[in-house]
N, C-alpha and C. Protein backbone atom coordinates (compact mmCIF):
# COMPACT_ATOMS: atom_id res chain seq x y z
N UNK A 1 0.85 -1.18 0.00
CA UNK A 1 0.00 0.00 0.00
C UNK A 1 0.89 1.24 0.00
N UNK A 2 0.57 2.17 -0.88
CA UNK A 2 1.31 3.45 -0.93
C UNK A 2 0.34 4.59 -0.61
N UNK A 3 0.84 5.53 0.16
CA UNK A 3 0.06 6.72 0.50
C UNK A 3 0.72 7.93 -0.14
N UNK A 4 -0.05 8.70 -0.89
CA UNK A 4 0.47 9.87 -1.59
C UNK A 4 -0.22 11.11 -1.04
N UNK A 5 0.56 11.95 -0.38
CA UNK A 5 0.02 13.17 0.22
C UNK A 5 0.29 14.37 -0.67
N UNK A 6 -0.58 15.34 -0.58
CA UNK A 6 -0.41 16.58 -1.33
C UNK A 6 -1.15 17.71 -0.61
N UNK A 7 -0.85 18.94 -1.01
CA UNK A 7 -1.59 20.08 -0.51
C UNK A 7 -0.86 20.99 0.45
N UNK A 8 0.36 20.66 0.81
CA UNK A 8 1.10 21.54 1.71
C UNK A 8 1.51 22.81 1.01
N UNK A 9 2.11 23.72 1.78
CA UNK A 9 2.56 24.96 1.19
C UNK A 9 2.84 26.01 2.24
N UNK A 10 2.96 27.24 1.77
CA UNK A 10 3.24 28.39 2.63
C UNK A 10 1.98 29.24 2.73
N UNK A 11 1.61 29.59 3.93
CA UNK A 11 0.41 30.40 4.14
C UNK A 11 0.66 31.34 5.31
N UNK A 12 -0.03 32.47 5.29
CA UNK A 12 0.08 33.41 6.41
C UNK A 12 -0.78 32.95 7.58
N UNK A 13 -0.40 33.38 8.75
CA UNK A 13 -1.19 33.06 9.94
C UNK A 13 -2.63 33.50 9.73
N UNK A 14 -3.55 32.64 10.14
CA UNK A 14 -4.96 32.89 9.94
C UNK A 14 -5.52 32.30 8.66
N UNK A 15 -4.64 31.85 7.80
CA UNK A 15 -5.06 31.29 6.53
C UNK A 15 -5.46 29.84 6.63
N UNK A 16 -5.71 29.24 5.47
CA UNK A 16 -6.19 27.86 5.40
C UNK A 16 -5.42 27.07 4.36
N UNK A 17 -5.34 25.79 4.61
CA UNK A 17 -4.79 24.84 3.65
C UNK A 17 -5.60 23.55 3.75
N UNK A 18 -5.61 22.79 2.66
CA UNK A 18 -6.28 21.49 2.66
C UNK A 18 -5.29 20.44 2.18
N UNK A 19 -5.04 19.46 3.03
CA UNK A 19 -4.17 18.35 2.68
C UNK A 19 -5.02 17.18 2.20
N UNK A 20 -4.46 16.44 1.25
CA UNK A 20 -5.12 15.24 0.74
C UNK A 20 -4.13 14.09 0.78
N UNK A 21 -4.64 12.89 0.94
CA UNK A 21 -3.79 11.70 0.92
C UNK A 21 -4.59 10.56 0.33
N UNK A 22 -4.07 10.00 -0.74
CA UNK A 22 -4.75 8.90 -1.42
C UNK A 22 -3.92 7.63 -1.31
N UNK A 23 -4.59 6.54 -1.00
CA UNK A 23 -3.92 5.24 -0.90
C UNK A 23 -4.09 4.48 -2.21
N UNK A 24 -3.06 3.76 -2.57
CA UNK A 24 -3.13 2.89 -3.74
C UNK A 24 -2.50 1.55 -3.40
N UNK A 25 -2.78 0.57 -4.23
CA UNK A 25 -2.18 -0.74 -4.02
C UNK A 25 -3.00 -1.67 -3.17
N UNK A 26 -4.24 -1.31 -2.88
CA UNK A 26 -5.12 -2.19 -2.13
C UNK A 26 -6.55 -1.96 -2.57
N UNK A 27 -7.33 -3.03 -2.53
CA UNK A 27 -8.75 -2.91 -2.82
C UNK A 27 -9.57 -2.93 -1.54
N UNK A 28 -8.90 -3.07 -0.40
CA UNK A 28 -9.58 -3.13 0.88
C UNK A 28 -9.63 -1.75 1.51
N UNK A 29 -10.70 -1.48 2.24
CA UNK A 29 -10.81 -0.22 2.95
C UNK A 29 -9.79 -0.18 4.08
N UNK A 30 -9.05 0.89 4.14
CA UNK A 30 -8.09 1.06 5.22
C UNK A 30 -8.85 1.44 6.48
N UNK A 31 -8.61 0.71 7.56
CA UNK A 31 -9.43 0.86 8.77
C UNK A 31 -9.30 2.24 9.39
N UNK A 32 -8.10 2.74 9.48
CA UNK A 32 -7.84 4.00 10.17
C UNK A 32 -6.91 4.83 9.28
N UNK A 33 -7.25 6.08 9.08
CA UNK A 33 -6.39 6.98 8.30
C UNK A 33 -6.25 8.29 9.06
N UNK A 34 -5.18 8.99 8.77
CA UNK A 34 -5.04 10.26 9.48
C UNK A 34 -3.75 10.96 9.16
N UNK A 35 -3.41 11.89 10.05
CA UNK A 35 -2.26 12.75 9.86
C UNK A 35 -1.49 12.89 11.16
N UNK A 36 -0.18 12.83 11.01
CA UNK A 36 0.74 13.18 12.08
C UNK A 36 1.59 14.33 11.56
N UNK A 37 2.29 15.00 12.46
CA UNK A 37 3.19 16.06 12.02
C UNK A 37 4.45 16.07 12.89
N UNK A 38 5.50 16.60 12.30
CA UNK A 38 6.77 16.70 13.02
C UNK A 38 7.39 18.04 12.72
N UNK A 39 7.56 18.83 13.77
CA UNK A 39 8.22 20.12 13.66
C UNK A 39 9.71 19.93 13.92
N UNK A 40 10.54 20.85 13.45
CA UNK A 40 11.99 20.73 13.67
C UNK A 40 12.33 20.60 15.14
N UNK A 41 13.12 19.60 15.47
CA UNK A 41 13.55 19.40 16.84
C UNK A 41 12.53 18.79 17.77
N UNK A 42 11.38 18.39 17.21
CA UNK A 42 10.31 17.82 18.04
C UNK A 42 9.96 16.42 17.55
N UNK A 43 9.28 15.69 18.41
CA UNK A 43 8.83 14.35 18.04
C UNK A 43 7.60 14.43 17.15
N UNK A 44 7.41 13.37 16.39
CA UNK A 44 6.20 13.28 15.58
C UNK A 44 4.99 13.17 16.51
N UNK A 45 3.94 13.91 16.18
CA UNK A 45 2.75 13.92 17.02
C UNK A 45 1.49 13.73 16.19
N UNK A 46 0.49 13.16 16.83
CA UNK A 46 -0.79 12.97 16.17
C UNK A 46 -1.48 14.31 15.93
N UNK A 47 -2.05 14.45 14.75
CA UNK A 47 -2.87 15.63 14.45
C UNK A 47 -4.34 15.23 14.49
N UNK A 48 -4.70 14.26 13.66
CA UNK A 48 -6.08 13.81 13.61
C UNK A 48 -6.15 12.46 12.91
N UNK A 49 -7.07 11.63 13.35
CA UNK A 49 -7.31 10.35 12.68
C UNK A 49 -8.81 10.15 12.51
N UNK A 50 -9.15 9.28 11.58
CA UNK A 50 -10.55 8.98 11.30
C UNK A 50 -10.65 7.51 10.91
N UNK A 51 -11.61 6.81 11.52
CA UNK A 51 -11.81 5.41 11.19
C UNK A 51 -12.81 5.28 10.05
N UNK A 52 -12.90 4.10 9.49
CA UNK A 52 -13.76 3.92 8.32
C UNK A 52 -15.22 4.21 8.65
N UNK A 53 -15.61 4.03 9.92
CA UNK A 53 -16.98 4.31 10.30
C UNK A 53 -17.27 5.78 10.52
N UNK A 54 -16.23 6.62 10.47
CA UNK A 54 -16.41 8.05 10.58
C UNK A 54 -15.99 8.67 11.90
N UNK A 55 -15.70 7.85 12.90
CA UNK A 55 -15.25 8.40 14.16
C UNK A 55 -13.91 9.10 14.03
N UNK A 56 -13.77 10.21 14.73
CA UNK A 56 -12.57 11.03 14.60
C UNK A 56 -11.89 11.25 15.95
N UNK A 57 -10.61 11.60 15.87
CA UNK A 57 -9.82 11.92 17.04
C UNK A 57 -8.89 13.06 16.66
N UNK A 58 -8.84 14.10 17.50
CA UNK A 58 -8.03 15.27 17.21
C UNK A 58 -7.08 15.56 18.36
N UNK A 59 -5.92 16.09 18.02
CA UNK A 59 -5.05 16.66 19.04
C UNK A 59 -5.74 17.90 19.61
N UNK A 60 -5.54 18.13 20.89
CA UNK A 60 -6.19 19.27 21.52
C UNK A 60 -5.82 20.60 20.87
N UNK A 61 -4.59 20.67 20.37
CA UNK A 61 -4.10 21.93 19.81
C UNK A 61 -4.77 22.30 18.48
N UNK A 62 -5.44 21.35 17.85
CA UNK A 62 -6.05 21.64 16.54
C UNK A 62 -7.58 21.56 16.58
N UNK A 63 -8.14 21.12 17.67
CA UNK A 63 -9.61 21.01 17.77
C UNK A 63 -10.26 22.35 17.51
N UNK A 64 -11.29 22.31 16.69
CA UNK A 64 -12.01 23.52 16.35
C UNK A 64 -11.41 24.29 15.18
N UNK A 65 -10.21 23.91 14.78
CA UNK A 65 -9.56 24.59 13.64
C UNK A 65 -9.37 23.65 12.46
N UNK A 66 -9.10 22.39 12.74
CA UNK A 66 -8.85 21.39 11.70
C UNK A 66 -10.03 20.44 11.62
N UNK A 67 -10.31 19.98 10.41
CA UNK A 67 -11.36 18.98 10.21
C UNK A 67 -10.83 17.87 9.32
N UNK A 68 -10.95 16.65 9.80
CA UNK A 68 -10.52 15.49 9.02
C UNK A 68 -11.74 14.81 8.42
N UNK A 69 -11.60 14.33 7.21
CA UNK A 69 -12.67 13.61 6.54
C UNK A 69 -12.06 12.56 5.62
N UNK A 70 -12.89 11.66 5.14
CA UNK A 70 -12.37 10.62 4.25
C UNK A 70 -13.46 10.15 3.30
N UNK A 71 -13.02 9.57 2.20
CA UNK A 71 -13.90 8.91 1.24
C UNK A 71 -13.45 7.47 1.18
N UNK A 72 -14.22 6.58 1.77
CA UNK A 72 -13.78 5.20 1.93
C UNK A 72 -13.55 4.49 0.60
N UNK A 73 -14.44 4.71 -0.36
CA UNK A 73 -14.30 3.98 -1.62
C UNK A 73 -13.04 4.38 -2.36
N UNK A 74 -12.50 5.53 -2.03
CA UNK A 74 -11.25 5.97 -2.66
C UNK A 74 -10.06 5.81 -1.73
N UNK A 75 -10.30 5.35 -0.49
CA UNK A 75 -9.22 5.30 0.50
C UNK A 75 -8.44 6.61 0.50
N UNK A 76 -9.18 7.69 0.57
CA UNK A 76 -8.59 9.03 0.56
C UNK A 76 -9.01 9.76 1.82
N UNK A 77 -8.05 10.45 2.40
CA UNK A 77 -8.30 11.22 3.62
C UNK A 77 -7.89 12.67 3.37
N UNK A 78 -8.66 13.58 3.97
CA UNK A 78 -8.43 15.01 3.81
C UNK A 78 -8.26 15.66 5.18
N UNK A 79 -7.51 16.74 5.19
CA UNK A 79 -7.37 17.53 6.41
C UNK A 79 -7.56 19.00 6.04
N UNK A 80 -8.69 19.55 6.43
CA UNK A 80 -8.94 20.97 6.22
C UNK A 80 -8.40 21.72 7.42
N UNK A 81 -7.46 22.62 7.18
CA UNK A 81 -6.79 23.34 8.25
C UNK A 81 -7.14 24.83 8.13
N UNK A 82 -7.86 25.33 9.10
CA UNK A 82 -8.25 26.74 9.13
C UNK A 82 -7.59 27.44 10.31
N UNK A 83 -7.59 28.75 10.27
CA UNK A 83 -7.01 29.56 11.34
C UNK A 83 -5.62 29.07 11.71
N UNK A 84 -4.81 28.88 10.70
CA UNK A 84 -3.47 28.34 10.92
C UNK A 84 -2.61 29.29 11.73
N UNK A 85 -1.75 28.69 12.55
CA UNK A 85 -0.86 29.43 13.42
C UNK A 85 0.59 29.07 13.08
N UNK A 86 1.53 29.94 13.39
CA UNK A 86 2.94 29.60 13.13
C UNK A 86 3.36 28.28 13.78
N UNK A 87 2.77 27.95 14.91
CA UNK A 87 3.12 26.70 15.59
C UNK A 87 2.58 25.46 14.89
N UNK A 88 1.78 25.65 13.86
CA UNK A 88 1.33 24.52 13.04
C UNK A 88 2.37 24.15 11.98
N UNK A 89 3.42 24.95 11.86
CA UNK A 89 4.47 24.68 10.90
C UNK A 89 5.13 23.35 11.21
N UNK A 90 5.16 22.46 10.23
CA UNK A 90 5.71 21.12 10.41
C UNK A 90 5.65 20.38 9.08
N UNK A 91 6.27 19.21 9.08
CA UNK A 91 6.04 18.27 7.99
C UNK A 91 4.87 17.40 8.41
N UNK A 92 3.87 17.31 7.56
CA UNK A 92 2.67 16.53 7.85
C UNK A 92 2.75 15.20 7.11
N UNK A 93 2.55 14.13 7.86
CA UNK A 93 2.65 12.78 7.31
C UNK A 93 1.28 12.11 7.32
N UNK A 94 0.96 11.54 6.18
CA UNK A 94 -0.27 10.76 6.06
C UNK A 94 -0.04 9.37 6.67
N UNK A 95 -1.07 8.84 7.28
CA UNK A 95 -0.98 7.58 8.03
C UNK A 95 -2.16 6.69 7.69
N UNK A 96 -1.88 5.40 7.60
CA UNK A 96 -2.95 4.43 7.39
C UNK A 96 -2.70 3.20 8.22
N UNK A 97 -3.78 2.53 8.58
CA UNK A 97 -3.65 1.31 9.38
C UNK A 97 -4.72 0.32 8.99
N UNK A 98 -4.32 -0.93 8.76
CA UNK A 98 -5.27 -2.01 8.57
C UNK A 98 -4.96 -3.08 9.60
N UNK A 99 -5.98 -3.65 10.20
CA UNK A 99 -5.77 -4.68 11.20
C UNK A 99 -5.03 -5.88 10.62
N UNK A 100 -5.21 -6.12 9.32
CA UNK A 100 -4.56 -7.28 8.69
C UNK A 100 -3.10 -7.02 8.33
N UNK A 101 -2.75 -5.74 8.09
CA UNK A 101 -1.42 -5.45 7.55
C UNK A 101 -0.54 -4.60 8.45
N UNK A 102 -1.15 -3.80 9.31
CA UNK A 102 -0.37 -2.89 10.13
C UNK A 102 -0.38 -1.47 9.60
N UNK A 103 0.69 -0.74 9.92
CA UNK A 103 0.78 0.69 9.61
C UNK A 103 1.36 0.97 8.23
N UNK A 104 0.88 2.07 7.64
CA UNK A 104 1.48 2.60 6.42
C UNK A 104 1.78 4.08 6.66
N UNK A 105 2.82 4.56 6.01
CA UNK A 105 3.16 5.99 6.10
C UNK A 105 3.39 6.53 4.71
N UNK A 106 2.88 7.74 4.46
CA UNK A 106 3.16 8.42 3.22
C UNK A 106 4.37 9.32 3.38
N UNK A 107 4.78 9.90 2.27
CA UNK A 107 5.87 10.88 2.35
C UNK A 107 5.30 12.14 3.00
N UNK A 108 6.12 12.92 3.60
CA UNK A 108 5.64 14.13 4.26
C UNK A 108 5.36 15.25 3.27
N UNK A 109 4.53 16.15 3.71
CA UNK A 109 4.28 17.38 2.95
C UNK A 109 4.48 18.56 3.90
N UNK A 110 5.24 19.53 3.45
CA UNK A 110 5.62 20.65 4.31
C UNK A 110 4.49 21.67 4.40
N UNK A 111 4.18 22.05 5.62
CA UNK A 111 3.26 23.15 5.87
C UNK A 111 4.02 24.22 6.64
N UNK A 112 4.06 25.43 6.09
CA UNK A 112 4.74 26.54 6.73
C UNK A 112 3.77 27.69 6.90
N UNK A 113 3.64 28.14 8.14
CA UNK A 113 2.73 29.24 8.47
C UNK A 113 3.58 30.42 8.93
N UNK A 114 3.50 31.50 8.19
CA UNK A 114 4.28 32.69 8.53
C UNK A 114 3.48 33.62 9.42
N UNK A 115 4.18 34.31 10.28
CA UNK A 115 3.49 35.23 11.22
C UNK A 115 3.34 36.62 10.64
């Protein structure tokens, strides 16, 4: 399974970006999909995840600003990021998990928020 992320970029504080991640190489629905991020000098941290049934989980720092969604038939996950802050600057990694196969990681996409 390969995960292809896109949508990162440079935005001013208060702006918005939408990340997308599409899975290929499987015909099975990926059970859990989501996003992690890693800022320079920091550990990778969870941003948001969503299960195939629609349940979501968000980091406290992004609740109310970020929205995760997915299209199961496409094994695609989206992250709508609003009211971006400089502290949201990081490399964002797409994540997938299937109970039968384990974890998958996509390549990172850089998000930079200028003050």
